[in-house]
C-alpha atoms as a PDB file:
ATOM      1  CA  MET A   1     -42.647  31.608 -44.571  1.00  0.00           C
ATOM      2  CA  THR A   2     -45.953  33.109 -43.521  1.00  0.00           C
ATOM      3  CA  PHE A   3     -48.817  30.881 -42.476  1.00  0.00           C
ATOM      4  CA  ARG A   4     -52.484  30.959 -41.622  1.00  0.00           C
ATOM      5  CA  ILE A   5     -54.192  28.680 -39.128  1.00  0.00           C
ATOM      6  CA  HIS A   6     -57.656  27.483 -40.123  1.00  0.00           C
ATOM      7  CA  ALA A   7     -60.473  26.600 -37.749  1.00  0.00           C
ATOM      8  CA  LEU A   8     -63.179  24.136 -38.679  1.00  0.00           C
ATOM      9  CA  PRO A   9     -66.240  25.748 -40.269  1.00  0.00           C
ATOM     10  CA  ALA A  10     -69.365  25.856 -38.095  1.00  0.00           C
ATOM     11  CA  GLU A  11     -71.820  24.878 -40.851  1.00  0.00           C
ATOM     12  CA  PRO A  12     -71.217  21.085 -40.836  1.00  0.00           C
ATOM     13  CA  PHE A  13     -71.976  21.003 -37.098  1.00  0.00           C
ATOM     14  CA  GLN A  14     -74.963  23.356 -36.913  1.00  0.00           C
ATOM     15  CA  HIS A  15     -77.548  20.589 -37.235  1.00  0.00           C
ATOM     16  CA  LEU A  16     -76.155  19.122 -33.997  1.00  0.00           C
ATOM     17  CA  PHE A  17     -76.532  22.304 -31.956  1.00  0.00           C
ATOM     18  CA  GLY A  18     -79.580  22.000 -29.762  1.00  0.00           C
ATOM     19  CA  ALA A  19     -80.252  18.372 -30.724  1.00  0.00           C
ATOM     20  CA  SER A  20     -81.558  16.141 -27.956  1.00  0.00           C
ATOM     21  CA  SER A  21     -79.112  14.035 -25.963  1.00  0.00           C
ATOM     22  CA  GLU A  22     -80.816  10.949 -27.373  1.00  0.00           C
ATOM     23  CA  ALA A  23     -80.380  12.098 -30.973  1.00  0.00           C
ATOM     24  CA  LEU A  24     -76.726  12.924 -30.292  1.00  0.00           C
ATOM     25  CA  ALA A  25     -76.122   9.575 -28.591  1.00  0.00           C
ATOM     26  CA  ALA A  26     -77.506   7.781 -31.655  1.00  0.00           C
ATOM     27  CA  LEU A  27     -74.694   9.481 -33.610  1.00  0.00           C
ATOM     28  CA  GLY A  28     -72.037   8.635 -31.004  1.00  0.00           C
ATOM     29  CA  ILE A  29     -71.881  12.230 -29.784  1.00  0.00           C
ATOM     30  CA  GLU A  30     -71.892  13.384 -26.160  1.00  0.00           C
ATOM     31  CA  ARG A  31     -72.981  16.765 -24.811  1.00  0.00           C
ATOM     32  CA  ARG A  32     -70.724  17.870 -21.970  1.00  0.00           C
ATOM     33  CA  ILE A  33     -70.438  20.831 -19.647  1.00  0.00           C
ATOM     34  CA  ALA A  34     -66.979  22.392 -19.438  1.00  0.00           C
ATOM     35  CA  ASP A  35     -65.769  22.203 -15.846  1.00  0.00           C
ATOM     36  CA  CYS A  36     -62.345  23.828 -16.217  1.00  0.00           C
ATOM     37  CA  LYS A  37     -60.380  26.180 -18.438  1.00  0.00           C
ATOM     38  CA  PRO A  38     -58.288  25.235 -20.298  1.00  0.00           C
ATOM     39  CA  GLY A  39     -59.651  21.791 -20.972  1.00  0.00           C
ATOM     40  CA  PHE A  40     -62.346  21.918 -23.658  1.00  0.00           C
ATOM     41  CA  PRO A  41     -60.750  23.388 -26.800  1.00  0.00           C
ATOM     42  CA  CYS A  42     -63.284  24.212 -29.521  1.00  0.00           C
ATOM     43  CA  ARG A  43     -62.121  23.499 -33.062  1.00  0.00           C
ATOM     44  CA  ILE A  44     -64.570  25.996 -34.568  1.00  0.00           C
ATOM     45  CA  SER A  45     -63.869  29.074 -32.426  1.00  0.00           C
ATOM     46  CA  LEU A  46     -60.267  28.093 -31.593  1.00  0.00           C
ATOM     47  CA  ARG A  47     -60.772  28.983 -27.966  1.00  0.00           C
ATOM     48  CA  ASP A  48     -61.372  27.035 -24.786  1.00  0.00           C
ATOM     49  CA  ALA A  49     -64.927  26.766 -23.546  1.00  0.00           C
ATOM     50  CA  GLU A  50     -65.708  28.674 -20.377  1.00  0.00           C
ATOM     51  CA  PRO A  51     -66.630  26.623 -17.280  1.00  0.00           C
ATOM     52  CA  GLY A  52     -70.357  25.914 -17.430  1.00  0.00           C
ATOM     53  CA  GLU A  53     -70.467  26.195 -21.231  1.00  0.00           C
ATOM     54  CA  THR A  54     -71.920  23.350 -23.294  1.00  0.00           C
ATOM     55  CA  VAL A  55     -69.692  21.484 -25.746  1.00  0.00           C
ATOM     56  CA  LEU A  56     -70.188  18.511 -28.020  1.00  0.00           C
ATOM     57  CA  LEU A  57     -67.661  15.675 -27.990  1.00  0.00           C
ATOM     58  CA  LEU A  58     -67.682  13.901 -31.327  1.00  0.00           C
ATOM     59  CA  ASN A  59     -65.543  11.983 -33.759  1.00  0.00           C
ATOM     60  CA  TYR A  60     -64.237  14.054 -36.671  1.00  0.00           C
ATOM     61  CA  LYS A  61     -62.455  12.866 -39.818  1.00  0.00           C
ATOM     62  CA  HIS A  62     -59.655  15.422 -39.953  1.00  0.00           C
ATOM     63  CA  GLN A  63     -57.529  13.604 -42.523  1.00  0.00           C
ATOM     64  CA  ALA A  64     -59.849  12.492 -45.303  1.00  0.00           C
ATOM     65  CA  ALA A  65     -57.073  11.904 -47.859  1.00  0.00           C
ATOM     66  CA  ASN A  66     -57.126   8.525 -49.556  1.00  0.00           C
ATOM     67  CA  SER A  67     -53.810   7.514 -48.014  1.00  0.00           C
ATOM     68  CA  PRO A  68     -52.575   5.355 -45.140  1.00  0.00           C
ATOM     69  CA  TYR A  69     -52.768   8.541 -43.020  1.00  0.00           C
ATOM     70  CA  ARG A  70     -56.559   8.852 -43.292  1.00  0.00           C
ATOM     71  CA  ALA A  71     -57.639   9.551 -39.717  1.00  0.00           C
ATOM     72  CA  SER A  72     -60.350  10.675 -37.337  1.00  0.00           C
ATOM     73  CA  HIS A  73     -60.390  11.381 -33.615  1.00  0.00           C
ATOM     74  CA  ALA A  74     -62.511  12.953 -30.896  1.00  0.00           C
ATOM     75  CA  ILE A  75     -62.866  16.749 -30.860  1.00  0.00           C
ATOM     76  CA  TYR A  76     -64.844  19.323 -28.899  1.00  0.00           C
ATOM     77  CA  VAL A  77     -67.006  21.980 -30.486  1.00  0.00           C
ATOM     78  CA  ARG A  78     -68.831  24.663 -28.522  1.00  0.00           C
ATOM     79  CA  GLU A  79     -72.544  24.685 -29.265  1.00  0.00           C
ATOM     80  CA  HIS A  80     -73.396  27.691 -31.438  1.00  0.00           C
ATOM     81  CA  ALA A  81     -69.715  28.596 -31.898  1.00  0.00           C
ATOM     82  CA  GLU A  82     -68.744  30.933 -34.706  1.00  0.00           C
ATOM     83  CA  GLN A  83     -65.774  30.075 -36.903  1.00  0.00           C
ATOM     84  CA  ALA A  84     -62.535  31.754 -35.909  1.00  0.00           C
ATOM     85  CA  GLN A  85     -60.653  33.611 -38.646  1.00  0.00           C
ATOM     86  CA  PRO A  86     -57.085  33.963 -37.345  1.00  0.00           C
ATOM     87  CA  GLU A  87     -54.967  36.609 -39.030  1.00  0.00           C
ATOM     88  CA  ILE A  88     -51.916  35.655 -41.073  1.00  0.00           C
ATOM     89  CA  GLY A  89     -49.211  34.578 -38.625  1.00  0.00           C
ATOM     90  CA  GLU A  90     -51.594  34.547 -35.636  1.00  0.00           C
ATOM     91  CA  ILE A  91     -51.400  31.619 -33.219  1.00  0.00           C
ATOM     92  CA  PRO A  92     -54.573  31.424 -31.123  1.00  0.00           C
ATOM     93  CA  ASP A  93     -54.085  30.917 -27.371  1.00  0.00           C
ATOM     94  CA  VAL A  94     -55.880  27.553 -27.559  1.00  0.00           C
ATOM     95  CA  LEU A  95     -52.819  26.307 -29.502  1.00  0.00           C
ATOM     96  CA  GLY A  96     -50.156  28.424 -27.846  1.00  0.00           C
ATOM     97  CA  LEU A  97     -50.908  27.057 -24.372  1.00  0.00           C
ATOM     98  CA  ARG A  98     -50.578  23.347 -25.205  1.00  0.00           C
ATOM     99  CA  LEU A  99     -47.993  20.775 -26.225  1.00  0.00           C
ATOM    100  CA  MET A 100     -48.570  20.396 -29.966  1.00  0.00           C
ATOM    101  CA  SER A 101     -47.819  17.690 -32.484  1.00  0.00           C
ATOM    102  CA  VAL A 102     -47.322  19.179 -35.940  1.00  0.00           C
ATOM    103  CA  ARG A 103     -47.702  16.835 -38.914  1.00  0.00           C
ATOM    104  CA  ALA A 104     -46.673  17.889 -42.418  1.00  0.00           C
ATOM    105  CA  PHE A 105     -48.487  16.358 -45.404  1.00  0.00           C
ATOM    106  CA  ASP A 106     -47.921  16.471 -49.146  1.00  0.00           C
ATOM    107  CA  ARG A 107     -50.656  16.849 -51.809  1.00  0.00           C
ATOM    108  CA  ALA A 108     -51.309  13.088 -51.748  1.00  0.00           C
ATOM    109  CA  GLY A 109     -52.006  13.125 -47.999  1.00  0.00           C
ATOM    110  CA  MET A 110     -48.737  11.411 -47.133  1.00  0.00           C
ATOM    111  CA  MET A 111     -46.897  12.553 -44.022  1.00  0.00           C
ATOM    112  CA  VAL A 112     -43.474  13.904 -44.957  1.00  0.00           C
ATOM    113  CA  ASP A 113     -42.323  15.303 -41.598  1.00  0.00           C
ATOM    114  CA  ALA A 114     -43.503  15.926 -38.053  1.00  0.00           C
ATOM    115  CA  ASP A 115     -42.456  17.612 -34.836  1.00  0.00           C
ATOM    116  CA  VAL A 116     -43.620  18.048 -31.249  1.00  0.00           C
ATOM    117  CA  VAL A 117     -43.302  21.462 -29.646  1.00  0.00           C
ATOM    118  CA  HIS A 118     -44.840  23.528 -26.885  1.00  0.00           C
ATOM    119  CA  GLY A 119     -47.336  25.946 -28.396  1.00  0.00           C
ATOM    120  CA  ALA A 120     -45.260  28.927 -27.269  1.00  0.00           C
ATOM    121  CA  GLU A 121     -42.555  27.694 -29.684  1.00  0.00           C
ATOM    122  CA  LEU A 122     -44.943  26.829 -32.518  1.00  0.00           C
ATOM    123  CA  ARG A 123     -44.153  29.673 -34.942  1.00  0.00           C
ATOM    124  CA  PRO A 124     -40.660  28.558 -36.057  1.00  0.00           C
ATOM    125  CA  VAL A 125     -41.846  24.970 -36.493  1.00  0.00           C
ATOM    126  CA  LEU A 126     -44.753  26.041 -38.705  1.00  0.00           C
ATOM    127  CA  GLU A 127     -42.464  28.290 -40.737  1.00  0.00           C
ATOM    128  CA  ARG A 128     -39.794  25.600 -41.125  1.00  0.00           C
ATOM    129  CA  LEU A 129     -42.209  22.883 -42.225  1.00  0.00           C
ATOM    130  CA  LEU A 130     -44.123  25.130 -44.623  1.00  0.00           C
ATOM    131  CA  ALA A 131     -40.825  26.216 -46.204  1.00  0.00           C
ATOM    132  CA  MET A 132     -40.324  22.626 -47.384  1.00  0.00           C
ATOM    133  CA  PRO A 133     -41.477  22.510 -51.035  1.00  0.00           C
ATOM    134  CA  GLU A 134     -43.055  19.051 -50.722  1.00  0.00           C
ATOM    135  CA  VAL A 135     -45.319  20.151 -47.840  1.00  0.00           C
ATOM    136  CA  ASP A 136     -48.862  21.102 -48.857  1.00  0.00           C
ATOM    137  CA  TYR A 137     -50.460  21.595 -45.408  1.00  0.00           C
ATOM    138  CA  LEU A 138     -49.943  20.984 -41.704  1.00  0.00           C
ATOM    139  CA  HIS A 139     -52.197  19.380 -39.141  1.00  0.00           C
ATOM    140  CA  LEU A 140     -51.835  20.491 -35.545  1.00  0.00           C
ATOM    141  CA  HIS A 141     -52.806  18.049 -32.815  1.00  0.00           C
ATOM    142  CA  ASN A 142     -52.886  18.316 -29.046  1.00  0.00           C
ATOM    143  CA  ALA A 143     -49.898  16.072 -28.432  1.00  0.00           C
ATOM    144  CA  LYS A 144     -50.967  14.349 -25.212  1.00  0.00           C
ATOM    145  CA  PRO A 145     -54.529  13.292 -26.142  1.00  0.00           C
ATOM    146  CA  GLY A 146     -53.644  13.156 -29.858  1.00  0.00           C
ATOM    147  CA  CYS A 147     -56.765  14.971 -31.021  1.00  0.00           C
ATOM    148  CA  TYR A 148     -56.879  17.232 -34.056  1.00  0.00           C
ATOM    149  CA  ALA A 149     -56.654  20.933 -33.245  1.00  0.00           C
ATOM    150  CA  ALA A 150     -56.369  22.919 -36.504  1.00  0.00           C
ATOM    151  CA  ARG A 151     -54.889  23.098 -39.982  1.00  0.00           C
ATOM    152  CA  ALA A 152     -52.115  25.452 -41.104  1.00  0.00           C
ATOM    153  CA  GLU A 153     -51.241  26.450 -44.653  1.00  0.00           C
ATOM    154  CA  ARG A 154     -48.972  28.905 -46.386  1.00  0.00           C
ATOM    155  CA  ALA A 155     -50.450  32.407 -46.434  1.00  0.00           C
END
C-alpha cells in the first residue's frame, strides 16, 4: 500500500508570522528561538528548525472530526516556512528520527487502530494500517510529547 505524508499548509499561519510578541501572547502563542537540532519540528516544512531560527509554539486542532477523538495539542511552526510536499512513499527525516505514535481513523473520525514505532521502522506500519479497508487516514504524533506531527493517506 503506497502512502503520502501531508504537511500542514502555511496559509492558515501566515498572519502570525512577524506578529508582535504581545499579539501572539493574546492568542496563547509563544515565539521561541530553536536552541538545538533536533528539537523544534516544524509541521509546515516537515523539518527541524536550525539553532537560532524562530519558531511559533501554538495549539493546533489536528483532529477536528465530530467524534470523541476530536483533539488539539501544541505544535511548532517555523516563521515563514513553506509547505513541504513529500513524494509518494517518502518519510521526511523529522519523522524518521523520532519515536512515533501512529493512529488510524475511519471516515467518522473514530480511531480503529494504533501503533508506536521508531521512525526508522515507520514504513511497514503505515502500509499495514492503510491496507485496512476501514482506515481512512493516519495521524502521526511524536510519541513522547504526544504532539501532532503529520497526516498520512493512501497515495
